[in-house]
Amino acid sequence: MQSLHNKKVEEYDFNKFIKEKIRTLIKECNITDELYDELLLLCDIYFKENKFGQIHGDLHFDNIIYQDRKLILLDFEYSMAAPIDYDYRILNRYKKVPWRWAFSKTDMLTTECDYQDLMQIIIENDEELKKISYLKERLSIYEVIDLLQVYKNTHKEEILEESKKIVKELKYNR
């Protein structure tokens, strides 16, 4: 990943990009809870600094092949210039919903406990990720965005409540 992430790319206002995603989802989901206004303010802190690079954009195990002692990345249709931590938003969600990205033939073998330490292992072995300020908080905001996208499609109240819980943790741990 480092060779991909170290490619020089044109930078842009990623904080604005993230906040626009959140605002759009709030509107599309008809959310009126002021808690999400707090989340938008937190973005100004957590996304002030960004280490840009080329990212895969759809990084999960179905898009990685291990062959001849090498890892090969597949499916670059969502590749983009972005902060490198944005590439790990899906792998970070594996700890709660790994089956969402599982191959249909292995769905039944996928369990949450197999993925609990995945992001910690990735962070411990990636010097660039270790240098990112507010990495944990940024990953949490990506998780909120993912949850709001799921809520938009399902209208399951427990999904919205899970996102609120994360926002509250961000707010109070600041």
N, C-alpha and C. Protein backbone atom coordinates (compact mmCIF):
# COMPACT_ATOMS: atom_id res chain seq x y z
N MET A 1 0.83 -1.20 0.00
CA MET A 1 0.00 0.00 0.00
C MET A 1 0.87 1.26 0.00
N GLN A 2 2.05 1.15 0.62
CA GLN A 2 2.86 2.35 0.74
C GLN A 2 3.27 2.93 -0.60
N SER A 3 3.57 2.08 -1.58
CA SER A 3 3.96 2.62 -2.90
C SER A 3 2.79 3.37 -3.54
N LEU A 4 1.59 2.88 -3.35
CA LEU A 4 0.40 3.56 -3.87
C LEU A 4 0.16 4.85 -3.09
N HIS A 5 0.22 4.76 -1.78
CA HIS A 5 -0.06 5.91 -0.92
C HIS A 5 0.99 7.00 -1.04
N ASN A 6 2.20 6.66 -1.46
CA ASN A 6 3.26 7.66 -1.57
C ASN A 6 3.28 8.38 -2.91
N LYS A 7 2.38 8.03 -3.81
CA LYS A 7 2.31 8.74 -5.10
C LYS A 7 1.88 10.18 -4.85
N LYS A 8 2.55 11.09 -5.51
CA LYS A 8 2.20 12.51 -5.39
C LYS A 8 0.89 12.76 -6.12
N VAL A 9 -0.04 13.38 -5.45
CA VAL A 9 -1.35 13.68 -6.02
C VAL A 9 -1.71 15.13 -5.69
N GLU A 10 -2.68 15.64 -6.40
CA GLU A 10 -3.15 16.99 -6.12
C GLU A 10 -4.03 16.96 -4.86
N GLU A 11 -3.71 17.83 -3.93
CA GLU A 11 -4.47 17.89 -2.68
C GLU A 11 -5.69 18.80 -2.85
N TYR A 12 -6.67 18.60 -1.99
CA TYR A 12 -7.88 19.42 -1.99
C TYR A 12 -8.38 19.52 -0.57
N ASP A 13 -9.46 20.24 -0.36
CA ASP A 13 -10.00 20.46 0.98
C ASP A 13 -10.80 19.21 1.40
N PHE A 14 -10.08 18.27 2.02
CA PHE A 14 -10.71 17.01 2.41
C PHE A 14 -11.73 17.21 3.52
N ASN A 15 -11.47 18.16 4.41
CA ASN A 15 -12.43 18.47 5.47
C ASN A 15 -13.77 18.87 4.85
N LYS A 16 -13.73 19.71 3.84
CA LYS A 16 -14.95 20.12 3.14
C LYS A 16 -15.63 18.91 2.49
N PHE A 17 -14.84 18.04 1.89
CA PHE A 17 -15.35 16.83 1.25
C PHE A 17 -16.11 15.95 2.26
N ILE A 18 -15.50 15.71 3.42
CA ILE A 18 -16.11 14.87 4.46
C ILE A 18 -17.36 15.54 5.02
N LYS A 19 -17.27 16.82 5.31
CA LYS A 19 -18.42 17.53 5.86
C LYS A 19 -19.58 17.54 4.87
N GLU A 20 -19.30 17.66 3.60
CA GLU A 20 -20.36 17.64 2.58
C GLU A 20 -21.03 16.27 2.53
N LYS A 21 -20.22 15.20 2.65
CA LYS A 21 -20.79 13.84 2.71
C LYS A 21 -21.76 13.72 3.89
N ILE A 22 -21.32 14.21 5.04
CA ILE A 22 -22.15 14.14 6.25
C ILE A 22 -23.42 14.97 6.08
N ARG A 23 -23.27 16.21 5.62
CA ARG A 23 -24.45 17.08 5.43
C ARG A 23 -25.45 16.45 4.46
N THR A 24 -24.96 15.89 3.37
CA THR A 24 -25.84 15.26 2.39
C THR A 24 -26.60 14.10 3.01
N LEU A 25 -25.90 13.27 3.77
CA LEU A 25 -26.55 12.12 4.41
C LEU A 25 -27.57 12.57 5.46
N ILE A 26 -27.24 13.60 6.23
CA ILE A 26 -28.19 14.13 7.22
C ILE A 26 -29.47 14.57 6.53
N LYS A 27 -29.30 15.27 5.43
CA LYS A 27 -30.47 15.75 4.68
C LYS A 27 -31.26 14.59 4.08
N GLU A 28 -30.57 13.67 3.43
CA GLU A 28 -31.24 12.53 2.78
C GLU A 28 -31.94 11.62 3.79
N CYS A 29 -31.42 11.57 5.01
CA CYS A 29 -32.01 10.71 6.04
C CYS A 29 -33.02 11.46 6.92
N ASN A 30 -33.22 12.75 6.64
CA ASN A 30 -34.13 13.58 7.44
C ASN A 30 -33.77 13.56 8.92
N ILE A 31 -32.50 13.70 9.22
CA ILE A 31 -32.03 13.70 10.60
C ILE A 31 -32.03 15.14 11.11
N THR A 32 -32.65 15.34 12.26
CA THR A 32 -32.71 16.68 12.85
C THR A 32 -31.92 16.78 14.14
N ASP A 33 -31.31 15.72 14.56
CA ASP A 33 -30.55 15.69 15.81
C ASP A 33 -29.34 16.62 15.73
N GLU A 34 -29.26 17.55 16.67
CA GLU A 34 -28.16 18.52 16.70
C GLU A 34 -26.81 17.88 16.98
N LEU A 35 -26.82 16.66 17.40
CA LEU A 35 -25.59 15.94 17.65
C LEU A 35 -24.70 15.91 16.39
N TYR A 36 -25.33 15.83 15.24
CA TYR A 36 -24.57 15.77 13.99
C TYR A 36 -23.96 17.13 13.63
N ASP A 37 -24.54 18.23 14.16
CA ASP A 37 -23.90 19.54 14.01
C ASP A 37 -22.58 19.54 14.76
N GLU A 38 -22.56 18.88 15.91
CA GLU A 38 -21.32 18.74 16.69
C GLU A 38 -20.28 17.95 15.90
N LEU A 39 -20.73 16.93 15.20
CA LEU A 39 -19.82 16.12 14.39
C LEU A 39 -19.16 16.98 13.32
N LEU A 40 -19.94 17.84 12.69
CA LEU A 40 -19.39 18.72 11.66
C LEU A 40 -18.32 19.65 12.24
N LEU A 41 -18.53 20.11 13.45
CA LEU A 41 -17.52 20.96 14.12
C LEU A 41 -16.26 20.15 14.44
N LEU A 42 -16.44 18.91 14.85
CA LEU A 42 -15.28 18.05 15.15
C LEU A 42 -14.43 17.80 13.90
N CYS A 43 -15.08 17.75 12.75
CA CYS A 43 -14.34 17.55 11.50
C CYS A 43 -13.29 18.64 11.31
N ASP A 44 -13.62 19.87 11.73
CA ASP A 44 -12.67 20.98 11.58
C ASP A 44 -11.39 20.73 12.37
N ILE A 45 -11.49 19.96 13.42
CA ILE A 45 -10.31 19.62 14.22
C ILE A 45 -9.61 18.40 13.64
N TYR A 46 -10.35 17.35 13.39
CA TYR A 46 -9.76 16.07 13.02
C TYR A 46 -9.25 16.00 11.58
N PHE A 47 -9.77 16.86 10.71
CA PHE A 47 -9.35 16.81 9.31
C PHE A 47 -8.59 18.07 8.89
N LYS A 48 -7.98 18.71 9.87
CA LYS A 48 -7.19 19.92 9.59
C LYS A 48 -5.93 19.57 8.80
N GLU A 49 -5.28 18.46 9.18
CA GLU A 49 -4.07 18.00 8.50
C GLU A 49 -4.37 16.69 7.79
N ASN A 50 -3.82 16.55 6.58
CA ASN A 50 -4.08 15.35 5.80
C ASN A 50 -2.83 14.96 5.03
N LYS A 51 -2.49 13.66 5.05
CA LYS A 51 -1.39 13.15 4.24
C LYS A 51 -2.01 12.50 3.00
N PHE A 52 -1.97 13.24 1.90
CA PHE A 52 -2.59 12.78 0.67
C PHE A 52 -1.72 11.77 -0.07
N GLY A 53 -2.38 10.90 -0.79
CA GLY A 53 -1.75 9.94 -1.67
C GLY A 53 -2.80 9.34 -2.58
N GLN A 54 -2.40 8.45 -3.42
CA GLN A 54 -3.36 7.72 -4.24
C GLN A 54 -3.89 6.58 -3.38
N ILE A 55 -5.20 6.44 -3.28
CA ILE A 55 -5.75 5.35 -2.48
C ILE A 55 -6.52 4.39 -3.39
N HIS A 56 -6.65 3.17 -2.94
CA HIS A 56 -7.38 2.13 -3.67
C HIS A 56 -8.87 2.48 -3.71
N GLY A 57 -9.41 2.86 -2.57
CA GLY A 57 -10.79 3.30 -2.50
C GLY A 57 -11.82 2.22 -2.20
N ASP A 58 -11.44 0.96 -2.33
CA ASP A 58 -12.36 -0.15 -2.06
C ASP A 58 -11.56 -1.30 -1.46
N LEU A 59 -10.78 -0.97 -0.46
CA LEU A 59 -9.83 -1.91 0.12
C LEU A 59 -10.53 -2.87 1.09
N HIS A 60 -10.69 -4.10 0.64
CA HIS A 60 -11.19 -5.19 1.49
C HIS A 60 -10.66 -6.49 0.92
N PHE A 61 -10.85 -7.57 1.64
CA PHE A 61 -10.17 -8.83 1.30
C PHE A 61 -10.57 -9.44 -0.03
N ASP A 62 -11.76 -9.15 -0.53
CA ASP A 62 -12.13 -9.67 -1.85
C ASP A 62 -11.34 -9.00 -2.97
N ASN A 63 -10.71 -7.87 -2.65
CA ASN A 63 -9.91 -7.16 -3.65
C ASN A 63 -8.41 -7.35 -3.45
N ILE A 64 -8.05 -8.35 -2.66
CA ILE A 64 -6.64 -8.66 -2.42
C ILE A 64 -6.43 -10.15 -2.68
N ILE A 65 -5.43 -10.46 -3.49
CA ILE A 65 -5.07 -11.86 -3.76
C ILE A 65 -3.65 -12.08 -3.27
N TYR A 66 -3.43 -13.20 -2.62
CA TYR A 66 -2.09 -13.61 -2.22
C TYR A 66 -1.64 -14.69 -3.20
N GLN A 67 -0.58 -14.38 -3.95
CA GLN A 67 -0.11 -15.31 -4.96
C GLN A 67 1.42 -15.21 -5.05
N ASP A 68 2.09 -16.34 -5.05
CA ASP A 68 3.54 -16.39 -5.16
C ASP A 68 4.22 -15.48 -4.13
N ARG A 69 3.72 -15.55 -2.90
CA ARG A 69 4.27 -14.78 -1.78
C ARG A 69 4.16 -13.26 -1.96
N LYS A 70 3.21 -12.83 -2.79
CA LYS A 70 2.97 -11.42 -3.03
C LYS A 70 1.48 -11.12 -2.86
N LEU A 71 1.19 -9.91 -2.40
CA LEU A 71 -0.18 -9.44 -2.35
C LEU A 71 -0.46 -8.65 -3.62
N ILE A 72 -1.57 -8.94 -4.25
CA ILE A 72 -1.96 -8.28 -5.49
C ILE A 72 -3.31 -7.59 -5.25
N LEU A 73 -3.37 -6.30 -5.54
CA LEU A 73 -4.61 -5.55 -5.40
C LEU A 73 -5.40 -5.61 -6.70
N LEU A 74 -6.71 -5.77 -6.56
CA LEU A 74 -7.63 -5.81 -7.70
C LEU A 74 -8.65 -4.68 -7.59
N ASP A 75 -9.37 -4.42 -8.66
CA ASP A 75 -10.55 -3.57 -8.66
C ASP A 75 -10.24 -2.14 -8.23
N PHE A 76 -9.67 -1.37 -9.12
CA PHE A 76 -9.28 0.01 -8.82
C PHE A 76 -10.32 1.04 -9.28
N GLU A 77 -11.56 0.63 -9.47
CA GLU A 77 -12.56 1.56 -10.00
C GLU A 77 -12.86 2.72 -9.06
N TYR A 78 -12.58 2.57 -7.76
CA TYR A 78 -12.84 3.65 -6.80
C TYR A 78 -11.55 4.36 -6.37
N SER A 79 -10.47 4.11 -7.07
CA SER A 79 -9.20 4.74 -6.76
C SER A 79 -9.32 6.25 -6.89
N MET A 80 -8.67 6.96 -5.97
CA MET A 80 -8.76 8.42 -5.97
C MET A 80 -7.62 9.02 -5.17
N ALA A 81 -7.43 10.30 -5.32
CA ALA A 81 -6.50 11.05 -4.48
C ALA A 81 -7.25 11.38 -3.19
N ALA A 82 -6.67 11.03 -2.05
CA ALA A 82 -7.31 11.27 -0.76
C ALA A 82 -6.27 11.05 0.34
N PRO A 83 -6.58 11.47 1.57
CA PRO A 83 -5.70 11.13 2.68
C PRO A 83 -5.61 9.61 2.81
N ILE A 84 -4.43 9.11 3.11
CA ILE A 84 -4.21 7.66 3.06
C ILE A 84 -5.06 6.89 4.07
N ASP A 85 -5.41 7.49 5.19
CA ASP A 85 -6.24 6.78 6.16
C ASP A 85 -7.64 6.49 5.63
N TYR A 86 -8.09 7.26 4.65
CA TYR A 86 -9.42 7.05 4.06
C TYR A 86 -9.49 5.69 3.37
N ASP A 87 -8.34 5.15 2.99
CA ASP A 87 -8.29 3.83 2.35
C ASP A 87 -8.65 2.71 3.33
N TYR A 88 -8.57 2.97 4.62
CA TYR A 88 -8.78 1.92 5.62
C TYR A 88 -10.16 1.96 6.25
N ARG A 89 -11.05 2.79 5.71
CA ARG A 89 -12.37 2.91 6.32
C ARG A 89 -13.16 1.61 6.27
N ILE A 90 -13.01 0.83 5.20
CA ILE A 90 -13.74 -0.44 5.10
C ILE A 90 -13.12 -1.48 6.03
N LEU A 91 -11.81 -1.60 6.01
CA LEU A 91 -11.16 -2.59 6.89
C LEU A 91 -11.44 -2.27 8.35
N ASN A 92 -11.56 -0.99 8.68
CA ASN A 92 -11.90 -0.62 10.06
C ASN A 92 -13.29 -1.12 10.43
N ARG A 93 -14.22 -1.12 9.50
CA ARG A 93 -15.58 -1.59 9.77
C ARG A 93 -15.66 -3.11 9.89
N TYR A 94 -14.64 -3.81 9.44
CA TYR A 94 -14.63 -5.27 9.53
C TYR A 94 -14.87 -5.76 10.97
N LYS A 95 -14.42 -5.02 11.96
CA LYS A 95 -14.58 -5.47 13.34
C LYS A 95 -16.04 -5.62 13.75
N LYS A 96 -16.94 -4.94 13.04
CA LYS A 96 -18.36 -5.02 13.38
C LYS A 96 -19.20 -5.75 12.34
N VAL A 97 -18.85 -5.63 11.08
CA VAL A 97 -19.66 -6.24 10.02
C VAL A 97 -18.78 -6.86 8.92
N PRO A 98 -17.95 -7.82 9.27
CA PRO A 98 -17.03 -8.37 8.25
C PRO A 98 -17.75 -9.06 7.10
N TRP A 99 -18.91 -9.61 7.35
CA TRP A 99 -19.63 -10.34 6.31
C TRP A 99 -20.16 -9.41 5.22
N ARG A 100 -20.22 -8.11 5.49
CA ARG A 100 -20.73 -7.17 4.50
C ARG A 100 -19.88 -7.16 3.23
N TRP A 101 -18.59 -7.47 3.39
CA TRP A 101 -17.68 -7.47 2.24
C TRP A 101 -17.17 -8.87 1.93
N ALA A 102 -17.76 -9.86 2.51
CA ALA A 102 -17.29 -11.23 2.32
C ALA A 102 -17.77 -11.80 0.99
N PHE A 103 -17.02 -12.72 0.49
CA PHE A 103 -17.36 -13.45 -0.73
C PHE A 103 -18.52 -14.39 -0.41
N SER A 104 -19.50 -14.46 -1.28
CA SER A 104 -20.72 -15.22 -0.99
C SER A 104 -20.45 -16.68 -0.60
N LYS A 105 -19.37 -17.28 -1.13
CA LYS A 105 -19.07 -18.68 -0.80
C LYS A 105 -18.48 -18.84 0.59
N THR A 106 -18.01 -17.74 1.18
CA THR A 106 -17.41 -17.83 2.52
C THR A 106 -18.19 -17.04 3.57
N ASP A 107 -19.30 -16.43 3.18
CA ASP A 107 -20.11 -15.65 4.11
C ASP A 107 -20.32 -16.36 5.45
N MET A 108 -20.73 -17.60 5.38
CA MET A 108 -21.08 -18.34 6.59
C MET A 108 -19.88 -18.61 7.49
N LEU A 109 -18.68 -18.44 6.98
CA LEU A 109 -17.46 -18.67 7.77
C LEU A 109 -16.92 -17.38 8.40
N THR A 110 -17.51 -16.27 8.05
CA THR A 110 -17.03 -14.97 8.52
C THR A 110 -17.61 -14.66 9.89
N THR A 111 -16.72 -14.38 10.86
CA THR A 111 -17.17 -14.04 12.20
C THR A 111 -16.47 -12.77 12.68
N GLU A 112 -17.17 -11.99 13.48
CA GLU A 112 -16.63 -10.73 13.98
C GLU A 112 -15.33 -10.92 14.75
N CYS A 113 -15.25 -11.94 15.58
CA CYS A 113 -14.08 -12.11 16.45
C CYS A 113 -12.79 -12.29 15.66
N ASP A 114 -12.88 -12.77 14.44
CA ASP A 114 -11.68 -12.94 13.61
C ASP A 114 -11.06 -11.60 13.20
N TYR A 115 -11.82 -10.51 13.31
CA TYR A 115 -11.39 -9.22 12.78
C TYR A 115 -11.24 -8.14 13.85
N GLN A 116 -11.39 -8.46 15.10
CA GLN A 116 -11.37 -7.46 16.16
C GLN A 116 -10.07 -6.65 16.22
N ASP A 117 -8.96 -7.28 15.95
CA ASP A 117 -7.67 -6.61 16.07
C ASP A 117 -7.09 -6.18 14.74
N LEU A 118 -7.84 -6.30 13.67
CA LEU A 118 -7.32 -6.06 12.33
C LEU A 118 -6.73 -4.65 12.18
N MET A 119 -7.48 -3.60 12.53
CA MET A 119 -6.98 -2.25 12.33
C MET A 119 -5.78 -1.98 13.23
N GLN A 120 -5.79 -2.49 14.43
CA GLN A 120 -4.65 -2.28 15.32
C GLN A 120 -3.38 -2.91 14.73
N ILE A 121 -3.52 -4.08 14.15
CA ILE A 121 -2.38 -4.75 13.50
C ILE A 121 -1.89 -3.93 12.31
N ILE A 122 -2.81 -3.43 11.52
CA ILE A 122 -2.44 -2.60 10.36
C ILE A 122 -1.71 -1.35 10.83
N ILE A 123 -2.24 -0.67 11.81
CA ILE A 123 -1.63 0.56 12.31
C ILE A 123 -0.24 0.29 12.87
N GLU A 124 -0.10 -0.78 13.65
CA GLU A 124 1.19 -1.12 14.24
C GLU A 124 2.26 -1.39 13.20
N ASN A 125 1.85 -1.80 12.00
CA ASN A 125 2.80 -2.16 10.96
C ASN A 125 2.90 -1.13 9.83
N ASP A 126 2.27 0.00 9.98
CA ASP A 126 2.32 1.04 8.95
C ASP A 126 2.78 2.35 9.58
N GLU A 127 4.03 2.70 9.34
CA GLU A 127 4.63 3.90 9.92
C GLU A 127 3.88 5.17 9.52
N GLU A 128 3.39 5.22 8.29
CA GLU A 128 2.67 6.41 7.83
C GLU A 128 1.36 6.60 8.60
N LEU A 129 0.64 5.52 8.84
CA LEU A 129 -0.62 5.63 9.59
C LEU A 129 -0.36 6.08 11.03
N LYS A 130 0.72 5.60 11.62
CA LYS A 130 1.05 5.99 12.99
C LYS A 130 1.24 7.49 13.13
N LYS A 131 1.65 8.16 12.06
CA LYS A 131 1.95 9.60 12.10
C LYS A 131 0.70 10.47 11.93
N ILE A 132 -0.43 9.88 11.61
CA ILE A 132 -1.63 10.67 11.35
C ILE A 132 -2.28 11.11 12.65
N SER A 133 -2.40 12.42 12.80
CA SER A 133 -3.07 12.97 13.99
C SER A 133 -4.54 12.59 13.98
N TYR A 134 -5.04 12.22 15.13
CA TYR A 134 -6.46 11.89 15.31
C TYR A 134 -6.91 10.72 14.45
N LEU A 135 -6.04 9.75 14.22
CA LEU A 135 -6.39 8.62 13.36
C LEU A 135 -7.63 7.89 13.86
N LYS A 136 -7.67 7.58 15.14
CA LYS A 136 -8.81 6.85 15.71
C LYS A 136 -10.12 7.63 15.49
N GLU A 137 -10.06 8.93 15.72
CA GLU A 137 -11.25 9.76 15.56
C GLU A 137 -11.68 9.84 14.09
N ARG A 138 -10.71 9.94 13.21
CA ARG A 138 -11.02 9.99 11.77
C ARG A 138 -11.69 8.70 11.32
N LEU A 139 -11.15 7.56 11.77
CA LEU A 139 -11.76 6.27 11.42
C LEU A 139 -13.18 6.18 11.97
N SER A 140 -13.40 6.75 13.14
CA SER A 140 -14.74 6.77 13.72
C SER A 140 -15.70 7.60 12.87
N ILE A 141 -15.23 8.73 12.35
CA ILE A 141 -16.09 9.56 11.50
C ILE A 141 -16.42 8.83 10.20
N TYR A 142 -15.44 8.13 9.64
CA TYR A 142 -15.73 7.33 8.44
C TYR A 142 -16.78 6.27 8.76
N GLU A 143 -16.70 5.73 9.96
CA GLU A 143 -17.68 4.72 10.38
C GLU A 143 -19.08 5.32 10.48
N VAL A 144 -19.16 6.53 11.02
CA VAL A 144 -20.46 7.22 11.11
C VAL A 144 -21.03 7.43 9.71
N ILE A 145 -20.19 7.85 8.78
CA ILE A 145 -20.64 8.06 7.40
C ILE A 145 -21.18 6.75 6.82
N ASP A 146 -20.46 5.66 7.04
CA ASP A 146 -20.91 4.36 6.54
C ASP A 146 -22.25 3.97 7.17
N LEU A 147 -22.37 4.18 8.46
CA LEU A 147 -23.62 3.85 9.14
C LEU A 147 -24.78 4.69 8.62
N LEU A 148 -24.53 5.97 8.38
CA LEU A 148 -25.60 6.82 7.84
C LEU A 148 -26.00 6.38 6.43
N GLN A 149 -25.04 5.91 5.66
CA GLN A 149 -25.38 5.39 4.33
C GLN A 149 -26.24 4.13 4.44
N VAL A 150 -25.91 3.27 5.39
CA VAL A 150 -26.72 2.07 5.61
C VAL A 150 -28.10 2.46 6.11
N TYR A 151 -28.15 3.41 7.04
CA TYR A 151 -29.44 3.87 7.56
C TYR A 151 -30.32 4.44 6.44
N LYS A 152 -29.69 5.21 5.55
CA LYS A 152 -30.43 5.80 4.42
C LYS A 152 -31.12 4.72 3.60
N ASN A 153 -30.46 3.58 3.45
CA ASN A 153 -31.00 2.50 2.62
C ASN A 153 -31.95 1.57 3.38
N THR A 154 -31.80 1.48 4.70
CA THR A 154 -32.59 0.51 5.46
C THR A 154 -33.61 1.13 6.40
N HIS A 155 -33.34 2.34 6.86
CA HIS A 155 -34.16 3.03 7.86
C HIS A 155 -34.27 2.24 9.16
N LYS A 156 -33.26 1.42 9.44
CA LYS A 156 -33.24 0.68 10.69
C LYS A 156 -32.75 1.60 11.81
N GLU A 157 -33.60 1.78 12.78
CA GLU A 157 -33.32 2.72 13.86
C GLU A 157 -32.05 2.36 14.64
N GLU A 158 -31.76 1.06 14.77
CA GLU A 158 -30.56 0.66 15.52
C GLU A 158 -29.27 1.11 14.82
N ILE A 159 -29.31 1.26 13.51
CA ILE A 159 -28.16 1.75 12.76
C ILE A 159 -27.93 3.22 13.09
N LEU A 160 -29.00 3.99 13.11
CA LEU A 160 -28.90 5.41 13.47
C LEU A 160 -28.41 5.56 14.90
N GLU A 161 -28.92 4.73 15.79
CA GLU A 161 -28.49 4.79 17.19
C GLU A 161 -27.01 4.45 17.35
N GLU A 162 -26.54 3.50 16.57
CA GLU A 162 -25.12 3.15 16.61
C GLU A 162 -24.27 4.34 16.16
N SER A 163 -24.71 5.04 15.13
CA SER A 163 -23.96 6.20 14.66
C SER A 163 -23.96 7.30 15.72
N LYS A 164 -25.09 7.50 16.39
CA LYS A 164 -25.18 8.51 17.46
C LYS A 164 -24.23 8.18 18.60
N LYS A 165 -24.15 6.92 18.92
CA LYS A 165 -23.25 6.48 20.00
C LYS A 165 -21.80 6.84 19.67
N ILE A 166 -21.39 6.63 18.44
CA ILE A 166 -20.03 6.96 18.02
C ILE A 166 -19.80 8.47 18.08
N VAL A 167 -20.78 9.24 17.63
CA VAL A 167 -20.65 10.70 17.66
C VAL A 167 -20.54 11.19 19.11
N LYS A 168 -21.34 10.63 19.99
CA LYS A 168 -21.26 11.00 21.41
C LYS A 168 -19.90 10.67 21.99
N GLU A 169 -19.35 9.53 21.65
CA GLU A 169 -18.01 9.16 22.13
C GLU A 169 -16.96 10.14 21.62
N LEU A 170 -17.07 10.52 20.36
CA LEU A 170 -16.15 11.51 19.80
C LEU A 170 -16.26 12.85 20.53
N LYS A 171 -17.49 13.25 20.78
CA LYS A 171 -17.76 14.53 21.42
C LYS A 171 -17.20 14.57 22.84
N TYR A 172 -17.43 13.50 23.59
CA TYR A 172 -17.05 13.51 24.99
C TYR A 172 -15.60 13.10 25.26
N ASN A 173 -14.97 12.48 24.29
CA ASN A 173 -13.57 12.09 24.46
C ASN A 173 -12.61 13.19 23.99
N ARG A 174 -13.14 14.24 23.48
CA ARG A 174 -12.33 15.32 22.93
C ARG A 174 -11.61 16.08 23.97
